[in-house]
């Protein structure tokens, strides 16, 4: 049988969970995820699990946060004055918003704290700082 190596295009079905079992993503009911191994298009810990697999293989991979979405970066949290946010924007904790960087890029942020004077926004990836587990099945190579 052919084994996966770096540079191969593969298709996998996957279910991603936190270590407590909370599911955050799955390809169930969708087309398998297709990508090039070693290309940097998926998180490093999952990519590193692919070489050596054969079509039909299944495995469970635990991935430390450093090899997933990285650690929480305190500099990615910022308190902004409440009056700087338009009145029609909801400011409940957990609300996803989009900001624009000075360079014009869109940056997703989440409202993490609200008080009388400020709104604290967090631009960390929602899974930053979390260890993850993936159940994967290799569907095809090439």
C-alpha atoms as a PDB file:
ATOM      1  CA  UNK A   1       0.000   0.000   0.000  1.00  0.00           C
ATOM      2  CA  UNK A   2       1.030   3.590  -0.553  1.00  0.00           C
ATOM      3  CA  UNK A   3       1.929   5.596   2.533  1.00  0.00           C
ATOM      4  CA  UNK A   4       1.477   9.343   2.937  1.00  0.00           C
ATOM      5  CA  UNK A   5       4.603  11.450   2.583  1.00  0.00           C
ATOM      6  CA  UNK A   6       5.245  15.191   2.607  1.00  0.00           C
ATOM      7  CA  UNK A   7       4.036  16.800  -0.634  1.00  0.00           C
ATOM      8  CA  UNK A   8       1.171  14.317  -1.152  1.00  0.00           C
ATOM      9  CA  UNK A   9      -2.356  15.636  -1.531  1.00  0.00           C
ATOM     10  CA  UNK A  10      -4.614  13.778   0.895  1.00  0.00           C
ATOM     11  CA  UNK A  11      -8.286  13.744   1.815  1.00  0.00           C
ATOM     12  CA  UNK A  12      -9.255  13.100   5.429  1.00  0.00           C
ATOM     13  CA  UNK A  13     -12.403  12.945   7.483  1.00  0.00           C
ATOM     14  CA  UNK A  14     -11.896  14.334  10.961  1.00  0.00           C
ATOM     15  CA  UNK A  15     -13.581  15.238  14.218  1.00  0.00           C
ATOM     16  CA  UNK A  16     -11.853  17.784  16.437  1.00  0.00           C
ATOM     17  CA  UNK A  17     -12.535  17.921  20.160  1.00  0.00           C
ATOM     18  CA  UNK A  18     -11.144  19.569  23.243  1.00  0.00           C
ATOM     19  CA  UNK A  19      -9.607  17.112  25.722  1.00  0.00           C
ATOM     20  CA  UNK A  20     -12.856  17.220  27.759  1.00  0.00           C
ATOM     21  CA  UNK A  21     -14.705  15.794  24.728  1.00  0.00           C
ATOM     22  CA  UNK A  22     -16.350  19.047  23.561  1.00  0.00           C
ATOM     23  CA  UNK A  23     -16.515  18.914  19.752  1.00  0.00           C
ATOM     24  CA  UNK A  24     -15.441  22.102  17.940  1.00  0.00           C
ATOM     25  CA  UNK A  25     -15.311  20.906  14.313  1.00  0.00           C
ATOM     26  CA  UNK A  26     -16.016  17.888  12.123  1.00  0.00           C
ATOM     27  CA  UNK A  27     -16.118  16.979   8.451  1.00  0.00           C
ATOM     28  CA  UNK A  28     -19.094  14.672   9.120  1.00  0.00           C
ATOM     29  CA  UNK A  29     -21.784  15.260   6.516  1.00  0.00           C
ATOM     30  CA  UNK A  30     -19.349  17.200   4.300  1.00  0.00           C
ATOM     31  CA  UNK A  31     -16.696  16.396   1.754  1.00  0.00           C
ATOM     32  CA  UNK A  32     -13.408  15.248   3.292  1.00  0.00           C
ATOM     33  CA  UNK A  33     -10.773  17.902   3.934  1.00  0.00           C
ATOM     34  CA  UNK A  34      -8.266  17.891   1.081  1.00  0.00           C
ATOM     35  CA  UNK A  35      -4.837  19.491   1.428  1.00  0.00           C
ATOM     36  CA  UNK A  36      -1.138  19.045   0.651  1.00  0.00           C
ATOM     37  CA  UNK A  37       0.863  17.430   3.466  1.00  0.00           C
ATOM     38  CA  UNK A  38       3.638  19.729   4.675  1.00  0.00           C
ATOM     39  CA  UNK A  39       2.187  22.831   3.004  1.00  0.00           C
ATOM     40  CA  UNK A  40       1.303  24.633   6.227  1.00  0.00           C
ATOM     41  CA  UNK A  41      -2.409  24.768   5.376  1.00  0.00           C
ATOM     42  CA  UNK A  42      -3.523  22.951   8.536  1.00  0.00           C
ATOM     43  CA  UNK A  43      -2.305  23.073  12.131  1.00  0.00           C
ATOM     44  CA  UNK A  44       1.217  21.629  12.510  1.00  0.00           C
ATOM     45  CA  UNK A  45       0.329  18.868  14.984  1.00  0.00           C
ATOM     46  CA  UNK A  46      -2.320  17.393  12.695  1.00  0.00           C
ATOM     47  CA  UNK A  47      -0.132  17.724   9.614  1.00  0.00           C
ATOM     48  CA  UNK A  48       2.714  15.887  11.406  1.00  0.00           C
ATOM     49  CA  UNK A  49       0.407  12.911  12.074  1.00  0.00           C
ATOM     50  CA  UNK A  50      -0.195  12.179   8.386  1.00  0.00           C
ATOM     51  CA  UNK A  51       3.099  10.725   7.038  1.00  0.00           C
ATOM     52  CA  UNK A  52       3.088   6.928   7.111  1.00  0.00           C
ATOM     53  CA  UNK A  53      -0.714   6.584   7.054  1.00  0.00           C
ATOM     54  CA  UNK A  54      -2.375   4.450   4.371  1.00  0.00           C
ATOM     55  CA  UNK A  55      -5.841   4.842   2.822  1.00  0.00           C
ATOM     56  CA  UNK A  56      -8.421   3.522   5.295  1.00  0.00           C
ATOM     57  CA  UNK A  57      -6.191   4.083   8.343  1.00  0.00           C
ATOM     58  CA  UNK A  58      -7.819   5.740  11.352  1.00  0.00           C
ATOM     59  CA  UNK A  59      -6.051   7.305  14.302  1.00  0.00           C
ATOM     60  CA  UNK A  60      -6.581   9.590  17.251  1.00  0.00           C
ATOM     61  CA  UNK A  61      -4.063  12.401  17.627  1.00  0.00           C
ATOM     62  CA  UNK A  62      -3.610  14.567  20.725  1.00  0.00           C
ATOM     63  CA  UNK A  63      -2.104  17.955  19.890  1.00  0.00           C
ATOM     64  CA  UNK A  64      -0.608  20.382  22.402  1.00  0.00           C
ATOM     65  CA  UNK A  65      -1.712  23.998  21.985  1.00  0.00           C
ATOM     66  CA  UNK A  66       1.792  24.956  20.775  1.00  0.00           C
ATOM     67  CA  UNK A  67       1.299  22.649  17.752  1.00  0.00           C
ATOM     68  CA  UNK A  68      -2.308  23.746  17.208  1.00  0.00           C
ATOM     69  CA  UNK A  69      -3.368  27.414  17.405  1.00  0.00           C
ATOM     70  CA  UNK A  70      -0.549  28.497  19.729  1.00  0.00           C
ATOM     71  CA  UNK A  71      -0.624  29.985  23.204  1.00  0.00           C
ATOM     72  CA  UNK A  72      -2.956  32.768  24.294  1.00  0.00           C
ATOM     73  CA  UNK A  73      -1.270  36.081  23.550  1.00  0.00           C
ATOM     74  CA  UNK A  74      -2.211  38.727  26.151  1.00  0.00           C
ATOM     75  CA  UNK A  75      -1.264  41.441  23.649  1.00  0.00           C
ATOM     76  CA  UNK A  76      -4.148  40.275  21.440  1.00  0.00           C
ATOM     77  CA  UNK A  77      -6.638  41.518  24.098  1.00  0.00           C
ATOM     78  CA  UNK A  78      -7.447  45.194  24.094  1.00  0.00           C
ATOM     79  CA  UNK A  79      -9.834  47.399  26.062  1.00  0.00           C
ATOM     80  CA  UNK A  80     -11.414  50.083  23.907  1.00  0.00           C
ATOM     81  CA  UNK A  81     -13.570  53.019  25.028  1.00  0.00           C
ATOM     82  CA  UNK A  82     -17.252  52.165  24.804  1.00  0.00           C
ATOM     83  CA  UNK A  83     -18.040  55.405  22.987  1.00  0.00           C
ATOM     84  CA  UNK A  84     -15.673  54.329  20.184  1.00  0.00           C
ATOM     85  CA  UNK A  85     -18.065  51.519  19.211  1.00  0.00           C
ATOM     86  CA  UNK A  86     -21.223  52.388  17.235  1.00  0.00           C
ATOM     87  CA  UNK A  87     -24.417  52.098  19.297  1.00  0.00           C
ATOM     88  CA  UNK A  88     -26.001  49.546  16.912  1.00  0.00           C
ATOM     89  CA  UNK A  89     -23.264  46.937  17.558  1.00  0.00           C
ATOM     90  CA  UNK A  90     -24.226  44.342  20.210  1.00  0.00           C
ATOM     91  CA  UNK A  91     -21.742  44.210  23.090  1.00  0.00           C
ATOM     92  CA  UNK A  92     -22.647  41.013  24.931  1.00  0.00           C
ATOM     93  CA  UNK A  93     -19.746  38.818  26.099  1.00  0.00           C
ATOM     94  CA  UNK A  94     -19.150  36.128  23.450  1.00  0.00           C
ATOM     95  CA  UNK A  95     -20.254  38.290  20.509  1.00  0.00           C
ATOM     96  CA  UNK A  96     -18.000  37.930  17.439  1.00  0.00           C
ATOM     97  CA  UNK A  97     -17.103  41.203  15.738  1.00  0.00           C
ATOM     98  CA  UNK A  98     -14.762  42.262  12.959  1.00  0.00           C
ATOM     99  CA  UNK A  99     -12.284  45.085  13.253  1.00  0.00           C
ATOM    100  CA  UNK A 100     -10.141  46.635  10.583  1.00  0.00           C
ATOM    101  CA  UNK A 101      -6.384  46.911  11.079  1.00  0.00           C
ATOM    102  CA  UNK A 102      -4.588  50.154  10.128  1.00  0.00           C
ATOM    103  CA  UNK A 103      -3.433  48.259   6.999  1.00  0.00           C
ATOM    104  CA  UNK A 104      -7.072  47.590   6.039  1.00  0.00           C
ATOM    105  CA  UNK A 105      -7.165  43.881   6.872  1.00  0.00           C
ATOM    106  CA  UNK A 106     -10.214  42.382   8.592  1.00  0.00           C
ATOM    107  CA  UNK A 107      -9.511  40.957  12.046  1.00  0.00           C
ATOM    108  CA  UNK A 108     -12.089  38.784  13.847  1.00  0.00           C
ATOM    109  CA  UNK A 109     -12.420  39.606  17.559  1.00  0.00           C
ATOM    110  CA  UNK A 110     -14.628  38.444  20.407  1.00  0.00           C
ATOM    111  CA  UNK A 111     -16.152  40.588  23.146  1.00  0.00           C
ATOM    112  CA  UNK A 112     -14.727  39.130  26.377  1.00  0.00           C
ATOM    113  CA  UNK A 113     -15.555  41.821  28.940  1.00  0.00           C
ATOM    114  CA  UNK A 114     -17.881  44.826  29.132  1.00  0.00           C
ATOM    115  CA  UNK A 115     -18.089  47.524  31.820  1.00  0.00           C
ATOM    116  CA  UNK A 116     -19.412  51.094  31.989  1.00  0.00           C
ATOM    117  CA  UNK A 117     -16.420  52.669  30.261  1.00  0.00           C
ATOM    118  CA  UNK A 118     -14.737  49.989  28.149  1.00  0.00           C
ATOM    119  CA  UNK A 119     -15.249  46.910  26.002  1.00  0.00           C
ATOM    120  CA  UNK A 120     -12.444  44.333  26.021  1.00  0.00           C
ATOM    121  CA  UNK A 121     -11.900  42.625  22.667  1.00  0.00           C
ATOM    122  CA  UNK A 122      -9.834  39.474  22.121  1.00  0.00           C
ATOM    123  CA  UNK A 123      -8.244  38.754  18.715  1.00  0.00           C
ATOM    124  CA  UNK A 124      -6.734  35.394  19.775  1.00  0.00           C
ATOM    125  CA  UNK A 125      -8.008  32.386  17.825  1.00  0.00           C
ATOM    126  CA  UNK A 126     -10.875  30.854  19.875  1.00  0.00           C
ATOM    127  CA  UNK A 127      -8.809  27.640  20.246  1.00  0.00           C
ATOM    128  CA  UNK A 128      -5.537  29.389  21.210  1.00  0.00           C
ATOM    129  CA  UNK A 129      -4.077  28.002  24.423  1.00  0.00           C
ATOM    130  CA  UNK A 130      -6.123  24.792  24.181  1.00  0.00           C
ATOM    131  CA  UNK A 131      -4.858  21.234  23.734  1.00  0.00           C
ATOM    132  CA  UNK A 132      -6.850  19.408  21.043  1.00  0.00           C
ATOM    133  CA  UNK A 133      -7.684  15.891  19.933  1.00  0.00           C
ATOM    134  CA  UNK A 134      -8.515  14.794  16.394  1.00  0.00           C
ATOM    135  CA  UNK A 135     -10.007  11.508  15.231  1.00  0.00           C
ATOM    136  CA  UNK A 136      -8.928  11.191  11.620  1.00  0.00           C
ATOM    137  CA  UNK A 137      -9.495   8.756   8.771  1.00  0.00           C
ATOM    138  CA  UNK A 138      -7.426   8.850   5.590  1.00  0.00           C
ATOM    139  CA  UNK A 139      -9.802   8.658   2.622  1.00  0.00           C
ATOM    140  CA  UNK A 140      -7.407   9.082  -0.307  1.00  0.00           C
ATOM    141  CA  UNK A 141      -3.884   9.970  -1.374  1.00  0.00           C
ATOM    142  CA  UNK A 142      -3.354  11.906  -4.605  1.00  0.00           C
END
